[in-house]
Amino acid sequence: MSIVALGFCLTAAGAEDKTPDATLRLSGGSVAAGVGVHWGGGTLNYKGKEYPIDVKGLSVGDVGVTKVEASGKVYNLSKLADFDGNYTAAGAGLTAAGGAGAAVMKNQNGVTVELVSTTQGAKVALGAGGVEMKINK
């Protein structure tokens, strides 16, 4: 399985310049190093409400690292239903400030997520088929 590892400096010109529509907190890990089978879950904060989400296909990308926490900003989310979907890599790779792992991804509804690992030394990576994120209903 090939893994696309991306690093993004969210303070650089490539970052979204506008206010995010929502924020995201994720916690989980790979079943085996470099393999993202069922990664975990998290919370989407949208319009003052919190929604639990499931995440599949995200990898920590580093041998020896099995648990990662990440936070993110969500853009182009005009309605909650647009969040669910398969997210694929969007943009070019840069180095994140302080060496933090980061990824920018976009789904079929045009929703963009800028995700940064908050676990020291861990890199987030997208699986070959992208990352599926879905609100638990």
Protein backbone atom coordinates (compact mmCIF):
# COMPACT_ATOMS: atom_id res chain seq x y z
CA MET A 1 0.00 0.00 0.00
CA SER A 2 1.50 3.33 -0.96
CA ILE A 3 1.08 6.22 1.41
CA VAL A 4 1.08 9.85 0.43
CA ALA A 5 2.74 11.74 3.27
CA LEU A 6 2.22 15.47 3.17
CA GLY A 7 3.70 18.26 5.23
CA PHE A 8 2.19 21.71 5.15
CA CYS A 9 3.15 24.94 6.84
CA LEU A 10 -0.23 26.31 7.81
CA THR A 11 1.22 29.75 8.37
CA ALA A 12 2.60 29.93 4.83
CA ALA A 13 0.95 31.44 1.77
CA GLY A 14 -0.63 28.05 0.93
CA ALA A 15 -2.86 28.12 4.00
CA GLU A 16 -6.45 29.27 3.85
CA ASP A 17 -6.63 33.03 4.52
CA LYS A 18 -10.24 33.11 5.71
CA THR A 19 -11.89 32.12 8.97
CA PRO A 20 -12.63 28.38 9.16
CA ASP A 21 -16.26 27.22 9.04
CA ALA A 22 -15.56 24.53 11.65
CA THR A 23 -12.77 22.98 13.71
CA LEU A 24 -11.81 19.36 14.14
CA ARG A 25 -10.09 17.27 16.83
CA LEU A 26 -9.04 13.69 16.08
CA SER A 27 -7.60 10.86 18.15
CA GLY A 28 -6.64 7.41 16.97
CA GLY A 29 -3.91 5.29 15.46
CA SER A 30 -2.92 2.68 12.95
CA VAL A 31 -3.59 -1.01 13.39
CA ALA A 32 0.02 -1.58 12.22
CA ALA A 33 2.77 0.93 11.44
CA GLY A 34 2.03 2.62 8.13
CA VAL A 35 -1.35 0.93 7.69
CA GLY A 36 -4.53 2.91 8.30
CA VAL A 37 -7.38 0.40 8.63
CA HIS A 38 -9.69 1.94 11.25
CA TRP A 39 -7.96 5.02 12.49
CA GLY A 40 -10.29 6.35 15.17
CA GLY A 41 -12.60 9.24 15.66
CA GLY A 42 -12.98 12.75 16.86
CA THR A 43 -15.18 15.78 17.19
CA LEU A 44 -16.32 18.32 14.62
CA ASN A 45 -17.25 21.70 16.11
CA TYR A 46 -19.67 23.39 13.68
CA LYS A 47 -21.80 26.46 14.44
CA GLY A 48 -21.30 26.07 18.18
CA LYS A 49 -22.28 22.39 18.32
CA GLU A 50 -20.07 19.31 18.63
CA TYR A 51 -20.58 16.27 16.40
CA PRO A 52 -18.79 12.93 16.92
CA ILE A 53 -17.08 11.60 13.77
CA ASP A 54 -15.47 8.36 12.57
CA VAL A 55 -12.22 8.42 10.59
CA LYS A 56 -10.89 5.60 8.36
CA GLY A 57 -7.80 5.49 6.16
CA LEU A 58 -5.50 7.89 8.01
CA SER A 59 -2.08 6.56 8.96
CA VAL A 60 0.47 7.76 11.48
CA GLY A 61 3.16 6.92 8.88
CA ASP A 62 5.95 6.28 11.41
CA VAL A 63 7.20 2.93 12.73
CA GLY A 64 6.77 2.79 16.50
CA VAL A 65 4.03 5.44 16.62
CA THR A 66 0.60 3.92 17.07
CA LYS A 67 -1.44 6.75 18.57
CA VAL A 68 -1.78 10.29 17.30
CA GLU A 69 -3.88 13.29 18.19
CA ALA A 70 -4.53 15.96 15.59
CA SER A 71 -6.46 19.18 15.21
CA GLY A 72 -7.71 20.90 12.12
CA LYS A 73 -9.57 23.69 10.43
CA VAL A 74 -12.48 23.03 8.08
CA TYR A 75 -13.27 25.34 5.14
CA ASN A 76 -16.10 25.51 2.56
CA LEU A 77 -18.55 23.74 4.90
CA SER A 78 -21.85 25.47 4.12
CA LYS A 79 -24.05 22.66 5.48
CA LEU A 80 -23.29 19.80 7.87
CA ALA A 81 -24.18 17.09 5.33
CA ASP A 82 -21.27 18.22 3.12
CA PHE A 83 -18.71 17.08 5.72
CA ASP A 84 -19.21 13.33 5.14
CA GLY A 85 -17.08 11.88 2.39
CA ASN A 86 -13.77 10.64 1.07
CA TYR A 87 -10.96 13.18 1.45
CA THR A 88 -7.95 13.12 -0.86
CA ALA A 89 -4.71 15.12 -0.90
CA ALA A 90 -5.05 18.77 -1.92
CA GLY A 91 -2.08 21.04 -2.53
CA ALA A 92 1.69 20.64 -2.55
CA GLY A 93 3.91 19.46 0.29
CA LEU A 94 5.73 21.90 2.58
CA THR A 95 7.43 21.52 5.93
CA ALA A 96 5.20 22.25 8.91
CA ALA A 97 6.46 24.67 11.54
CA GLY A 98 8.33 22.89 14.34
CA GLY A 99 8.42 19.64 12.34
CA ALA A 100 4.76 18.80 13.06
CA GLY A 101 3.07 16.42 10.65
CA ALA A 102 0.31 17.98 8.57
CA ALA A 103 -2.03 17.24 5.68
CA VAL A 104 -4.47 19.24 3.57
CA MET A 105 -7.32 17.26 2.05
CA LYS A 106 -10.54 17.90 0.16
CA ASN A 107 -13.72 15.86 -0.30
CA GLN A 108 -16.18 15.46 -3.17
CA ASN A 109 -18.32 18.33 -1.81
CA GLY A 110 -15.45 20.83 -1.90
CA VAL A 111 -14.91 20.77 1.87
CA THR A 112 -11.23 21.33 2.72
CA VAL A 113 -9.56 20.17 5.94
CA GLU A 114 -6.16 21.37 7.17
CA LEU A 115 -5.03 18.76 9.69
CA VAL A 116 -1.98 19.08 11.98
CA SER A 117 -0.66 16.37 14.29
CA THR A 118 -0.51 17.54 17.90
CA THR A 119 1.54 14.46 18.90
CA GLN A 120 5.25 15.33 19.09
CA GLY A 121 7.25 13.75 16.27
CA ALA A 122 4.33 11.97 14.60
CA LYS A 123 3.43 12.46 10.95
CA VAL A 124 -0.11 12.13 9.65
CA ALA A 125 -0.46 10.52 6.23
CA LEU A 126 -3.30 9.72 3.87
CA GLY A 127 -3.84 6.14 2.77
CA ALA A 128 -3.71 5.41 -0.96
CA GLY A 129 -7.51 5.53 -1.20
CA GLY A 130 -7.85 8.74 0.79
CA VAL A 131 -9.44 9.29 4.18
CA GLU A 132 -13.11 8.68 4.93
CA MET A 133 -14.66 10.97 7.53
CA LYS A 134 -18.28 10.63 8.57
CA ILE A 135 -20.48 12.20 11.25
CA ASN A 136 -21.98 9.63 13.65
CA LYS A 137 -25.75 9.95 13.56
